[in-house]
């Protein structure tokens, strides 16, 4: 248990940040799933529209430092490749 005022404050801040980061990670996963569902549906235009929304979400999360920028780039690249591989 935290014994100093500083340590108690850090513990409070950690709980707040942990909850916020958890919400961002959940938002990230949901966005990815929406694009994958659109790809599975077979409609390329819908998949591209979802991908545009997902890109901004991924970039926001990377900018905040929840995920590393390379992880964000990797996810965007793989989703983009799956959309390009769809039949036009």
N, C-alpha and C. Protein backbone atom coordinates (compact mmCIF):
# COMPACT_ATOMS: atom_id res chain seq x y z
N UNK A 1 0.84 -1.18 0.00
CA UNK A 1 0.00 0.00 0.00
C UNK A 1 0.88 1.23 0.00
N UNK A 2 0.39 2.28 -0.62
CA UNK A 2 1.15 3.53 -0.72
C UNK A 2 1.24 4.19 0.66
N UNK A 3 2.46 4.61 1.02
CA UNK A 3 2.68 5.18 2.35
C UNK A 3 2.84 6.69 2.35
N UNK A 4 3.07 7.27 1.21
CA UNK A 4 3.24 8.72 1.16
C UNK A 4 2.12 9.34 0.35
N UNK A 5 1.94 10.64 0.53
CA UNK A 5 0.90 11.34 -0.22
C UNK A 5 1.18 11.25 -1.72
N UNK A 6 2.45 11.35 -2.08
CA UNK A 6 2.82 11.28 -3.49
C UNK A 6 2.46 9.90 -4.08
N UNK A 7 2.74 8.85 -3.32
CA UNK A 7 2.46 7.50 -3.79
C UNK A 7 0.96 7.25 -3.89
N UNK A 8 0.20 7.80 -2.94
CA UNK A 8 -1.25 7.67 -3.00
C UNK A 8 -1.82 8.37 -4.24
N UNK A 9 -1.29 9.56 -4.53
CA UNK A 9 -1.74 10.29 -5.71
C UNK A 9 -1.39 9.50 -6.98
N UNK A 10 -0.18 8.96 -7.05
CA UNK A 10 0.23 8.17 -8.22
C UNK A 10 -0.71 6.98 -8.40
N UNK A 11 -1.11 6.34 -7.30
CA UNK A 11 -2.00 5.18 -7.38
C UNK A 11 -3.36 5.60 -7.93
N UNK A 12 -3.87 6.76 -7.50
CA UNK A 12 -5.14 7.27 -8.02
C UNK A 12 -5.02 7.56 -9.51
N UNK A 13 -3.94 8.21 -9.90
CA UNK A 13 -3.75 8.55 -11.30
C UNK A 13 -3.63 7.29 -12.16
N UNK A 14 -2.95 6.28 -11.64
CA UNK A 14 -2.78 5.04 -12.39
C UNK A 14 -4.12 4.37 -12.66
N UNK A 15 -5.01 4.40 -11.68
CA UNK A 15 -6.34 3.80 -11.88
C UNK A 15 -7.11 4.54 -12.97
N UNK A 16 -7.04 5.86 -12.95
CA UNK A 16 -7.73 6.67 -13.96
C UNK A 16 -7.17 6.39 -15.34
N UNK A 17 -5.86 6.38 -15.45
CA UNK A 17 -5.23 6.15 -16.75
C UNK A 17 -5.49 4.74 -17.26
N UNK A 18 -5.48 3.77 -16.34
CA UNK A 18 -5.72 2.39 -16.73
C UNK A 18 -7.13 2.24 -17.33
N UNK A 19 -8.11 2.86 -16.70
CA UNK A 19 -9.48 2.80 -17.22
C UNK A 19 -9.58 3.48 -18.58
N UNK A 20 -8.92 4.61 -18.73
CA UNK A 20 -8.96 5.34 -20.00
C UNK A 20 -8.29 4.53 -21.10
N UNK A 21 -7.13 3.95 -20.80
CA UNK A 21 -6.41 3.15 -21.78
C UNK A 21 -7.22 1.91 -22.18
N UNK A 22 -7.90 1.33 -21.22
CA UNK A 22 -8.72 0.16 -21.50
C UNK A 22 -9.82 0.53 -22.49
N UNK A 23 -10.42 1.68 -22.29
CA UNK A 23 -11.48 2.14 -23.19
C UNK A 23 -10.93 2.37 -24.59
N UNK A 24 -9.75 2.96 -24.70
CA UNK A 24 -9.15 3.18 -26.01
C UNK A 24 -8.84 1.87 -26.72
N UNK A 25 -8.31 0.89 -25.96
CA UNK A 25 -8.01 -0.41 -26.57
C UNK A 25 -9.29 -1.09 -27.06
N UNK A 26 -10.36 -0.96 -26.29
CA UNK A 26 -11.65 -1.53 -26.69
C UNK A 26 -12.15 -0.87 -27.97
N UNK A 27 -12.03 0.46 -28.04
CA UNK A 27 -12.43 1.20 -29.23
C UNK A 27 -11.63 0.73 -30.45
N UNK A 28 -10.33 0.51 -30.25
CA UNK A 28 -9.44 0.04 -31.31
C UNK A 28 -9.91 -1.32 -31.84
N UNK A 29 -10.15 -2.25 -30.94
CA UNK A 29 -10.55 -3.59 -31.35
C UNK A 29 -11.90 -3.59 -32.07
N UNK A 30 -12.82 -2.78 -31.57
CA UNK A 30 -14.14 -2.69 -32.19
C UNK A 30 -14.03 -2.14 -33.61
N UNK A 31 -13.20 -1.13 -33.79
CA UNK A 31 -13.02 -0.53 -35.11
C UNK A 31 -12.45 -1.56 -36.09
N UNK A 32 -11.47 -2.32 -35.64
CA UNK A 32 -10.87 -3.36 -36.49
C UNK A 32 -11.93 -4.39 -36.89
N UNK A 33 -12.73 -4.80 -35.90
CA UNK A 33 -13.76 -5.81 -36.18
C UNK A 33 -14.79 -5.31 -37.18
N UNK A 34 -15.12 -4.02 -37.12
CA UNK A 34 -16.08 -3.46 -38.07
C UNK A 34 -15.56 -3.58 -39.50
N UNK A 35 -14.28 -3.29 -39.69
CA UNK A 35 -13.70 -3.37 -41.03
C UNK A 35 -13.66 -4.83 -41.48
N UNK A 36 -13.25 -5.73 -40.60
CA UNK A 36 -13.19 -7.14 -40.98
C UNK A 36 -14.57 -7.69 -41.31
N UNK A 37 -15.58 -7.23 -40.59
CA UNK A 37 -16.95 -7.66 -40.88
C UNK A 37 -17.39 -7.15 -42.24
N UNK A 38 -17.03 -5.90 -42.56
CA UNK A 38 -17.37 -5.34 -43.86
C UNK A 38 -16.66 -6.08 -44.98
N UNK A 39 -15.41 -6.47 -44.74
CA UNK A 39 -14.65 -7.24 -45.74
C UNK A 39 -15.32 -8.60 -45.96
N UNK A 40 -15.71 -9.23 -44.86
CA UNK A 40 -16.37 -10.53 -44.96
C UNK A 40 -17.71 -10.42 -45.68
N UNK A 41 -18.35 -9.26 -45.55
CA UNK A 41 -19.62 -9.03 -46.24
C UNK A 41 -19.46 -8.96 -47.75
N UNK A 42 -18.27 -8.62 -48.21
CA UNK A 42 -17.99 -8.65 -49.64
C UNK A 42 -18.22 -7.35 -50.38
N UNK A 43 -18.68 -6.31 -49.70
CA UNK A 43 -18.93 -5.03 -50.37
C UNK A 43 -17.71 -4.12 -50.16
N UNK A 44 -16.98 -3.89 -51.24
CA UNK A 44 -15.72 -3.15 -51.15
C UNK A 44 -15.94 -1.70 -50.74
N UNK A 45 -17.00 -1.06 -51.23
CA UNK A 45 -17.22 0.35 -50.90
C UNK A 45 -17.54 0.53 -49.42
N UNK A 46 -18.31 -0.40 -48.86
CA UNK A 46 -18.61 -0.34 -47.42
C UNK A 46 -17.33 -0.57 -46.61
N UNK A 47 -16.53 -1.52 -47.05
CA UNK A 47 -15.28 -1.82 -46.35
C UNK A 47 -14.34 -0.61 -46.38
N UNK A 48 -14.28 0.08 -47.51
CA UNK A 48 -13.43 1.26 -47.61
C UNK A 48 -13.93 2.39 -46.71
N UNK A 49 -15.23 2.55 -46.63
CA UNK A 49 -15.80 3.58 -45.75
C UNK A 49 -15.49 3.29 -44.30
N UNK A 50 -15.63 2.03 -43.90
CA UNK A 50 -15.30 1.64 -42.52
C UNK A 50 -13.81 1.81 -42.26
N UNK A 51 -13.01 1.51 -43.27
CA UNK A 51 -11.56 1.63 -43.10
C UNK A 51 -11.14 3.07 -42.86
N UNK A 52 -11.79 4.01 -43.54
CA UNK A 52 -11.47 5.43 -43.35
C UNK A 52 -11.75 5.85 -41.91
N UNK A 53 -12.88 5.40 -41.36
CA UNK A 53 -13.20 5.70 -39.97
C UNK A 53 -12.21 5.03 -39.02
N UNK A 54 -11.85 3.80 -39.34
CA UNK A 54 -10.94 3.06 -38.49
C UNK A 54 -9.54 3.67 -38.49
N UNK A 55 -9.12 4.19 -39.63
CA UNK A 55 -7.80 4.83 -39.72
C UNK A 55 -7.68 5.96 -38.72
N UNK A 56 -8.69 6.79 -38.64
CA UNK A 56 -8.61 7.92 -37.71
C UNK A 56 -8.57 7.43 -36.26
N UNK A 57 -9.32 6.38 -35.97
CA UNK A 57 -9.30 5.81 -34.62
C UNK A 57 -7.92 5.26 -34.28
N UNK A 58 -7.34 4.52 -35.21
CA UNK A 58 -6.02 3.93 -34.98
C UNK A 58 -4.98 5.02 -34.80
N UNK A 59 -5.04 6.05 -35.65
CA UNK A 59 -4.08 7.15 -35.53
C UNK A 59 -4.21 7.88 -34.20
N UNK A 60 -5.44 8.09 -33.76
CA UNK A 60 -5.67 8.77 -32.49
C UNK A 60 -5.05 7.98 -31.33
N UNK A 61 -5.25 6.67 -31.35
CA UNK A 61 -4.74 5.83 -30.27
C UNK A 61 -3.22 5.79 -30.30
N UNK A 62 -2.63 5.76 -31.48
CA UNK A 62 -1.17 5.77 -31.59
C UNK A 62 -0.60 7.11 -31.12
N UNK A 63 -1.29 8.18 -31.45
CA UNK A 63 -0.85 9.52 -31.07
C UNK A 63 -0.85 9.68 -29.54
N UNK A 64 -1.80 9.04 -28.89
CA UNK A 64 -1.90 9.13 -27.44
C UNK A 64 -0.91 8.19 -26.73
N UNK A 65 -0.27 7.32 -27.51
CA UNK A 65 0.75 6.45 -26.93
C UNK A 65 0.20 5.16 -26.36
N UNK A 66 -1.05 4.83 -26.66
CA UNK A 66 -1.63 3.58 -26.17
C UNK A 66 -0.95 2.41 -26.88
N UNK A 67 -0.77 2.57 -28.19
CA UNK A 67 -0.04 1.59 -28.98
C UNK A 67 1.13 2.28 -29.64
N UNK A 68 2.14 1.52 -29.96
CA UNK A 68 3.30 2.06 -30.67
C UNK A 68 2.88 2.43 -32.08
N UNK A 69 3.52 3.44 -32.65
CA UNK A 69 3.16 3.91 -33.99
C UNK A 69 3.35 2.81 -35.04
N UNK A 70 4.33 1.94 -34.84
CA UNK A 70 4.54 0.86 -35.81
C UNK A 70 3.42 -0.18 -35.75
N UNK A 71 2.89 -0.42 -34.56
CA UNK A 71 1.76 -1.35 -34.44
C UNK A 71 0.55 -0.77 -35.16
N UNK A 72 0.33 0.51 -35.00
CA UNK A 72 -0.78 1.17 -35.69
C UNK A 72 -0.60 1.08 -37.20
N UNK A 73 0.60 1.35 -37.67
CA UNK A 73 0.89 1.29 -39.10
C UNK A 73 0.70 -0.13 -39.63
N UNK A 74 1.09 -1.11 -38.85
CA UNK A 74 0.95 -2.51 -39.27
C UNK A 74 -0.52 -2.88 -39.43
N UNK A 75 -1.34 -2.48 -38.48
CA UNK A 75 -2.77 -2.80 -38.57
C UNK A 75 -3.41 -2.11 -39.77
N UNK A 76 -3.08 -0.85 -39.98
CA UNK A 76 -3.64 -0.12 -41.12
C UNK A 76 -3.20 -0.76 -42.43
N UNK A 77 -1.95 -1.16 -42.51
CA UNK A 77 -1.42 -1.76 -43.72
C UNK A 77 -2.10 -3.09 -44.03
N UNK A 78 -2.29 -3.90 -43.02
CA UNK A 78 -2.90 -5.21 -43.23
C UNK A 78 -4.38 -5.08 -43.62
N UNK A 79 -5.07 -4.14 -42.99
CA UNK A 79 -6.47 -3.92 -43.35
C UNK A 79 -6.57 -3.41 -44.79
N UNK A 80 -5.69 -2.48 -45.13
CA UNK A 80 -5.67 -1.93 -46.49
C UNK A 80 -5.41 -3.03 -47.52
N UNK A 81 -4.48 -3.91 -47.21
CA UNK A 81 -4.15 -4.99 -48.14
C UNK A 81 -5.34 -5.93 -48.31
N UNK A 82 -6.08 -6.19 -47.24
CA UNK A 82 -7.25 -7.06 -47.34
C UNK A 82 -8.33 -6.41 -48.20
N UNK A 83 -8.48 -5.10 -48.07
CA UNK A 83 -9.49 -4.41 -48.88
C UNK A 83 -9.08 -4.40 -50.35
N UNK A 84 -7.79 -4.17 -50.63
CA UNK A 84 -7.31 -4.17 -52.00
C UNK A 84 -7.43 -5.54 -52.64
N UNK A 85 -7.33 -6.60 -51.83
CA UNK A 85 -7.40 -7.96 -52.35
C UNK A 85 -8.83 -8.35 -52.71
N UNK A 86 -9.81 -7.58 -52.25
CA UNK A 86 -11.20 -7.88 -52.59
C UNK A 86 -11.44 -7.67 -54.07
N UNK A 87 -12.37 -8.41 -54.61
CA UNK A 87 -12.73 -8.22 -56.02
C UNK A 87 -13.50 -6.91 -56.17
N UNK A 88 -13.19 -6.18 -57.20
CA UNK A 88 -13.79 -4.86 -57.39
C UNK A 88 -15.26 -4.94 -57.75
